[in-house]
Amino acid sequence: MLELFDERHDAHVLYSYDETHNYIDQVVAFSKHGIKTGDYVILIENPRLSPKILAELKIQLTEQQMEFIHFVKSYDFYYSSGSYHPPAIQAYFEKMIEPYLEEQATFRSWVHVEWETSR
């Protein structure tokens, strides 16, 4: 997956997972790769997983590198208007990235999407 980001800077990837530890490994690898290439990293993540991801990032990154990581609660992101409303989500995202665009800073985002599956 990380090679794709070296080739394309506008890639959109769907990463499906079964094991939480594998998921965390992928988020950390994605973040480290972004910082290595000079990107800010926006992690729109479930608050249940954020502390685990943060702990692993703090082990693998310096304090200076951690300044490039920005966490956003996925619930706040998806339900910023009070319900799941795609135009509101887009507006929230645009407002969130505005400072990066103004400074012409490069960034990448990781967005955790959850949905219930029937079994």
N, C-alpha and C. Protein backbone atom coordinates (compact mmCIF):
# COMPACT_ATOMS: atom_id res chain seq x y z
N MET A 1 0.82 -1.19 0.00
CA MET A 1 0.00 0.00 0.00
C MET A 1 0.87 1.26 0.00
N LEU A 2 1.95 1.27 0.77
CA LEU A 2 2.75 2.49 0.88
C LEU A 2 3.42 2.85 -0.44
N GLU A 3 3.75 1.86 -1.27
CA GLU A 3 4.35 2.14 -2.57
C GLU A 3 3.39 2.94 -3.44
N LEU A 4 2.10 2.67 -3.30
CA LEU A 4 1.09 3.41 -4.05
C LEU A 4 1.18 4.90 -3.73
N PHE A 5 1.42 5.24 -2.48
CA PHE A 5 1.50 6.65 -2.09
C PHE A 5 2.77 7.31 -2.62
N ASP A 6 3.82 6.52 -2.88
CA ASP A 6 5.01 7.08 -3.50
C ASP A 6 4.74 7.45 -4.96
N GLU A 7 3.90 6.65 -5.61
CA GLU A 7 3.61 6.87 -7.02
C GLU A 7 2.52 7.91 -7.24
N ARG A 8 1.51 7.91 -6.38
CA ARG A 8 0.35 8.80 -6.56
C ARG A 8 0.09 9.54 -5.26
N HIS A 9 -0.16 10.81 -5.39
CA HIS A 9 -0.43 11.62 -4.20
C HIS A 9 -1.92 11.91 -4.04
N ASP A 10 -2.73 11.28 -4.89
CA ASP A 10 -4.17 11.50 -4.82
C ASP A 10 -4.92 10.17 -4.70
N ALA A 11 -4.26 9.20 -4.12
CA ALA A 11 -4.85 7.86 -4.02
C ALA A 11 -5.90 7.79 -2.92
N HIS A 12 -6.88 6.97 -3.13
CA HIS A 12 -7.92 6.70 -2.14
C HIS A 12 -7.95 5.18 -1.98
N VAL A 13 -7.69 4.71 -0.78
CA VAL A 13 -7.55 3.27 -0.53
C VAL A 13 -8.59 2.81 0.47
N LEU A 14 -9.20 1.70 0.19
CA LEU A 14 -10.09 1.05 1.16
C LEU A 14 -9.30 -0.10 1.77
N TYR A 15 -9.09 -0.02 3.07
CA TYR A 15 -8.34 -1.07 3.78
C TYR A 15 -9.31 -1.77 4.71
N SER A 16 -9.59 -3.01 4.41
CA SER A 16 -10.49 -3.83 5.22
C SER A 16 -9.63 -4.69 6.15
N TYR A 17 -10.11 -4.91 7.36
CA TYR A 17 -9.30 -5.67 8.31
C TYR A 17 -10.20 -6.50 9.23
N ASP A 18 -9.59 -7.53 9.80
CA ASP A 18 -10.26 -8.37 10.78
C ASP A 18 -9.62 -8.26 12.15
N GLU A 19 -8.34 -8.06 12.20
CA GLU A 19 -7.59 -8.03 13.45
C GLU A 19 -7.18 -6.60 13.80
N THR A 20 -7.53 -6.16 14.99
CA THR A 20 -7.24 -4.79 15.40
C THR A 20 -5.75 -4.49 15.39
N HIS A 21 -4.92 -5.43 15.82
CA HIS A 21 -3.48 -5.13 15.86
C HIS A 21 -2.93 -4.92 14.45
N ASN A 22 -3.46 -5.64 13.45
CA ASN A 22 -3.03 -5.42 12.06
C ASN A 22 -3.46 -4.03 11.59
N TYR A 23 -4.66 -3.64 11.98
CA TYR A 23 -5.16 -2.32 11.62
C TYR A 23 -4.25 -1.23 12.21
N ILE A 24 -3.93 -1.35 13.47
CA ILE A 24 -3.06 -0.36 14.12
C ILE A 24 -1.70 -0.31 13.44
N ASP A 25 -1.16 -1.47 13.09
CA ASP A 25 0.12 -1.50 12.37
C ASP A 25 0.03 -0.72 11.06
N GLN A 26 -1.08 -0.85 10.34
CA GLN A 26 -1.25 -0.15 9.08
C GLN A 26 -1.38 1.36 9.28
N VAL A 27 -2.13 1.77 10.29
CA VAL A 27 -2.27 3.21 10.58
C VAL A 27 -0.91 3.81 10.92
N VAL A 28 -0.15 3.11 11.73
CA VAL A 28 1.18 3.59 12.13
C VAL A 28 2.11 3.65 10.93
N ALA A 29 2.11 2.63 10.10
CA ALA A 29 2.95 2.62 8.90
C ALA A 29 2.57 3.77 7.95
N PHE A 30 1.28 3.97 7.76
CA PHE A 30 0.77 5.06 6.93
C PHE A 30 1.26 6.41 7.48
N SER A 31 1.16 6.58 8.79
CA SER A 31 1.57 7.83 9.43
C SER A 31 3.06 8.06 9.31
N LYS A 32 3.84 7.05 9.60
CA LYS A 32 5.30 7.17 9.50
C LYS A 32 5.73 7.49 8.07
N HIS A 33 5.10 6.84 7.11
CA HIS A 33 5.43 7.08 5.71
C HIS A 33 5.11 8.53 5.34
N GLY A 34 3.98 9.03 5.82
CA GLY A 34 3.62 10.41 5.54
C GLY A 34 4.61 11.40 6.11
N ILE A 35 5.01 11.18 7.34
CA ILE A 35 5.96 12.08 7.98
C ILE A 35 7.30 12.02 7.25
N LYS A 36 7.71 10.83 6.85
CA LYS A 36 8.96 10.64 6.12
C LYS A 36 8.96 11.46 4.82
N THR A 37 7.80 11.57 4.19
CA THR A 37 7.71 12.32 2.93
C THR A 37 7.37 13.79 3.14
N GLY A 38 7.26 14.22 4.42
CA GLY A 38 7.03 15.62 4.71
C GLY A 38 5.57 16.02 4.84
N ASP A 39 4.68 15.04 4.94
CA ASP A 39 3.25 15.32 5.05
C ASP A 39 2.82 15.47 6.51
N TYR A 40 1.81 16.30 6.73
CA TYR A 40 1.06 16.25 7.96
C TYR A 40 0.12 15.05 7.84
N VAL A 41 -0.26 14.48 8.96
CA VAL A 41 -1.12 13.30 8.95
C VAL A 41 -2.35 13.57 9.80
N ILE A 42 -3.51 13.49 9.16
CA ILE A 42 -4.79 13.67 9.84
C ILE A 42 -5.39 12.28 10.03
N LEU A 43 -5.58 11.88 11.28
CA LEU A 43 -6.15 10.57 11.59
C LEU A 43 -7.55 10.78 12.14
N ILE A 44 -8.54 10.47 11.33
CA ILE A 44 -9.94 10.56 11.75
C ILE A 44 -10.29 9.17 12.24
N GLU A 45 -10.35 9.04 13.55
CA GLU A 45 -10.31 7.72 14.16
C GLU A 45 -11.33 7.56 15.28
N ASN A 46 -11.69 6.33 15.49
CA ASN A 46 -12.58 5.94 16.57
C ASN A 46 -11.86 6.17 17.91
N PRO A 47 -12.49 6.86 18.86
CA PRO A 47 -11.84 7.11 20.14
C PRO A 47 -11.45 5.84 20.91
N ARG A 48 -12.06 4.74 20.60
CA ARG A 48 -11.70 3.47 21.23
C ARG A 48 -10.31 3.01 20.78
N LEU A 49 -9.94 3.32 19.53
CA LEU A 49 -8.65 2.90 19.00
C LEU A 49 -7.57 3.98 19.07
N SER A 50 -7.98 5.23 19.14
CA SER A 50 -7.01 6.33 19.14
C SER A 50 -5.92 6.20 20.20
N PRO A 51 -6.26 5.86 21.46
CA PRO A 51 -5.19 5.74 22.46
C PRO A 51 -4.17 4.66 22.11
N LYS A 52 -4.62 3.57 21.53
CA LYS A 52 -3.69 2.49 21.14
C LYS A 52 -2.79 2.94 20.00
N ILE A 53 -3.37 3.63 19.04
CA ILE A 53 -2.58 4.14 17.92
C ILE A 53 -1.60 5.19 18.41
N LEU A 54 -2.07 6.10 19.24
CA LEU A 54 -1.21 7.15 19.79
C LEU A 54 -0.05 6.56 20.57
N ALA A 55 -0.31 5.56 21.37
CA ALA A 55 0.76 4.92 22.15
C ALA A 55 1.83 4.33 21.24
N GLU A 56 1.40 3.68 20.19
CA GLU A 56 2.36 3.07 19.25
C GLU A 56 3.13 4.14 18.49
N LEU A 57 2.45 5.20 18.08
CA LEU A 57 3.14 6.29 17.39
C LEU A 57 4.19 6.94 18.30
N LYS A 58 3.87 7.12 19.58
CA LYS A 58 4.83 7.73 20.51
C LYS A 58 6.06 6.86 20.71
N ILE A 59 5.91 5.56 20.55
CA ILE A 59 7.06 4.66 20.64
C ILE A 59 7.95 4.82 19.41
N GLN A 60 7.33 4.99 18.25
CA GLN A 60 8.07 4.94 17.00
C GLN A 60 8.46 6.30 16.42
N LEU A 61 7.90 7.37 16.96
CA LEU A 61 8.20 8.70 16.44
C LEU A 61 8.79 9.59 17.52
N THR A 62 9.52 10.59 17.09
CA THR A 62 10.06 11.57 18.03
C THR A 62 8.96 12.58 18.37
N GLU A 63 9.20 13.37 19.41
CA GLU A 63 8.24 14.42 19.77
C GLU A 63 8.05 15.40 18.62
N GLN A 64 9.12 15.73 17.94
CA GLN A 64 9.03 16.64 16.80
C GLN A 64 8.18 16.03 15.68
N GLN A 65 8.36 14.76 15.40
CA GLN A 65 7.55 14.09 14.39
C GLN A 65 6.08 14.01 14.80
N MET A 66 5.83 13.84 16.09
CA MET A 66 4.45 13.76 16.57
C MET A 66 3.67 15.05 16.32
N GLU A 67 4.38 16.17 16.15
CA GLU A 67 3.71 17.43 15.86
C GLU A 67 3.02 17.42 14.49
N PHE A 68 3.37 16.46 13.65
CA PHE A 68 2.76 16.33 12.33
C PHE A 68 1.50 15.47 12.35
N ILE A 69 1.18 14.89 13.51
CA ILE A 69 0.02 14.02 13.65
C ILE A 69 -1.14 14.81 14.26
N HIS A 70 -2.30 14.69 13.65
CA HIS A 70 -3.50 15.37 14.16
C HIS A 70 -4.64 14.36 14.22
N PHE A 71 -5.18 14.13 15.42
CA PHE A 71 -6.30 13.20 15.61
C PHE A 71 -7.62 13.97 15.58
N VAL A 72 -8.61 13.37 14.95
CA VAL A 72 -9.98 13.88 14.94
C VAL A 72 -10.88 12.70 15.30
N LYS A 73 -11.84 12.94 16.19
CA LYS A 73 -12.77 11.87 16.56
C LYS A 73 -13.69 11.58 15.37
N SER A 74 -13.76 10.32 14.99
CA SER A 74 -14.57 9.95 13.83
C SER A 74 -16.04 10.32 14.02
N TYR A 75 -16.53 10.20 15.24
CA TYR A 75 -17.93 10.55 15.50
C TYR A 75 -18.17 12.04 15.22
N ASP A 76 -17.25 12.89 15.67
CA ASP A 76 -17.36 14.33 15.40
C ASP A 76 -17.33 14.60 13.90
N PHE A 77 -16.50 13.86 13.20
CA PHE A 77 -16.35 14.04 11.76
C PHE A 77 -17.62 13.66 11.01
N TYR A 78 -18.14 12.48 11.30
CA TYR A 78 -19.29 11.97 10.56
C TYR A 78 -20.62 12.57 10.98
N TYR A 79 -20.70 13.00 12.22
CA TYR A 79 -21.98 13.50 12.72
C TYR A 79 -21.90 14.97 13.14
N SER A 80 -21.08 15.74 12.43
CA SER A 80 -20.89 17.15 12.77
C SER A 80 -22.19 17.95 12.66
N SER A 81 -23.12 17.48 11.84
CA SER A 81 -24.39 18.19 11.69
C SER A 81 -25.50 17.58 12.53
N GLY A 82 -25.17 16.57 13.33
CA GLY A 82 -26.16 15.90 14.16
C GLY A 82 -26.64 14.59 13.58
N SER A 83 -26.35 14.36 12.32
CA SER A 83 -26.67 13.08 11.68
C SER A 83 -25.69 12.88 10.53
N TYR A 84 -25.66 11.68 10.02
CA TYR A 84 -24.77 11.40 8.88
C TYR A 84 -25.31 12.13 7.66
N HIS A 85 -24.62 13.18 7.26
CA HIS A 85 -25.07 14.02 6.15
C HIS A 85 -23.83 14.35 5.29
N PRO A 86 -23.67 13.68 4.12
CA PRO A 86 -22.45 13.86 3.32
C PRO A 86 -22.05 15.30 3.03
N PRO A 87 -22.96 16.21 2.68
CA PRO A 87 -22.50 17.60 2.46
C PRO A 87 -21.90 18.23 3.73
N ALA A 88 -22.46 17.91 4.89
CA ALA A 88 -21.91 18.44 6.15
C ALA A 88 -20.53 17.83 6.43
N ILE A 89 -20.37 16.56 6.12
CA ILE A 89 -19.08 15.89 6.30
C ILE A 89 -18.03 16.54 5.41
N GLN A 90 -18.39 16.80 4.16
CA GLN A 90 -17.46 17.44 3.24
C GLN A 90 -17.09 18.84 3.73
N ALA A 91 -18.08 19.59 4.19
CA ALA A 91 -17.81 20.94 4.70
C ALA A 91 -16.89 20.89 5.92
N TYR A 92 -17.13 19.92 6.82
CA TYR A 92 -16.29 19.75 8.00
C TYR A 92 -14.85 19.47 7.58
N PHE A 93 -14.68 18.57 6.61
CA PHE A 93 -13.34 18.21 6.13
C PHE A 93 -12.66 19.42 5.50
N GLU A 94 -13.38 20.14 4.67
CA GLU A 94 -12.80 21.32 4.01
C GLU A 94 -12.35 22.36 5.03
N LYS A 95 -13.16 22.58 6.07
CA LYS A 95 -12.78 23.53 7.11
C LYS A 95 -11.55 23.02 7.88
N MET A 96 -11.50 21.71 8.10
CA MET A 96 -10.41 21.10 8.85
C MET A 96 -9.07 21.23 8.10
N ILE A 97 -9.10 21.11 6.78
CA ILE A 97 -7.85 21.15 6.01
C ILE A 97 -7.47 22.56 5.56
N GLU A 98 -8.34 23.51 5.80
CA GLU A 98 -8.09 24.88 5.37
C GLU A 98 -6.71 25.41 5.81
N PRO A 99 -6.30 25.23 7.07
CA PRO A 99 -4.98 25.72 7.47
C PRO A 99 -3.83 25.09 6.67
N TYR A 100 -3.95 23.83 6.32
CA TYR A 100 -2.91 23.17 5.52
C TYR A 100 -2.87 23.77 4.11
N LEU A 101 -4.04 24.01 3.54
CA LEU A 101 -4.10 24.59 2.21
C LEU A 101 -3.55 26.00 2.19
N GLU A 102 -3.90 26.79 3.21
CA GLU A 102 -3.42 28.16 3.29
C GLU A 102 -1.90 28.23 3.37
N GLU A 103 -1.32 27.27 4.06
CA GLU A 103 0.15 27.23 4.20
C GLU A 103 0.82 26.44 3.10
N GLN A 104 0.02 25.94 2.17
CA GLN A 104 0.50 25.10 1.07
C GLN A 104 1.28 23.90 1.61
N ALA A 105 0.82 23.38 2.72
CA ALA A 105 1.44 22.20 3.34
C ALA A 105 0.80 20.94 2.75
N THR A 106 1.60 19.92 2.59
CA THR A 106 1.04 18.66 2.12
C THR A 106 0.54 17.87 3.32
N PHE A 107 -0.50 17.10 3.08
CA PHE A 107 -1.08 16.30 4.15
C PHE A 107 -1.71 15.05 3.55
N ARG A 108 -1.95 14.11 4.41
CA ARG A 108 -2.69 12.90 4.05
C ARG A 108 -3.66 12.62 5.18
N SER A 109 -4.75 11.96 4.84
CA SER A 109 -5.73 11.65 5.87
C SER A 109 -6.06 10.16 5.86
N TRP A 110 -6.31 9.67 7.05
CA TRP A 110 -6.74 8.29 7.27
C TRP A 110 -8.09 8.40 7.97
N VAL A 111 -9.10 7.81 7.39
CA VAL A 111 -10.44 7.94 7.94
C VAL A 111 -10.98 6.55 8.27
N HIS A 112 -11.31 6.36 9.52
CA HIS A 112 -11.87 5.09 9.98
C HIS A 112 -13.37 5.11 9.75
N VAL A 113 -13.83 4.20 8.93
CA VAL A 113 -15.25 4.06 8.63
C VAL A 113 -15.73 2.76 9.26
N GLU A 114 -16.78 2.86 10.05
CA GLU A 114 -17.35 1.65 10.67
C GLU A 114 -18.79 1.50 10.24
N TRP A 115 -19.19 0.27 10.05
CA TRP A 115 -20.60 0.00 9.82
C TRP A 115 -20.93 -1.39 10.33
N GLU A 116 -22.16 -1.54 10.69
CA GLU A 116 -22.61 -2.80 11.23
C GLU A 116 -22.80 -3.80 10.10
N THR A 117 -22.36 -5.01 10.33
CA THR A 117 -22.57 -6.06 9.34
C THR A 117 -23.54 -7.08 9.90
N SER A 118 -24.33 -7.64 9.04
CA SER A 118 -25.23 -8.68 9.49
C SER A 118 -24.51 -10.00 9.43
N ARG A 119 -24.72 -10.82 10.41
CA ARG A 119 -24.02 -12.11 10.46
C ARG A 119 -25.02 -13.22 10.47
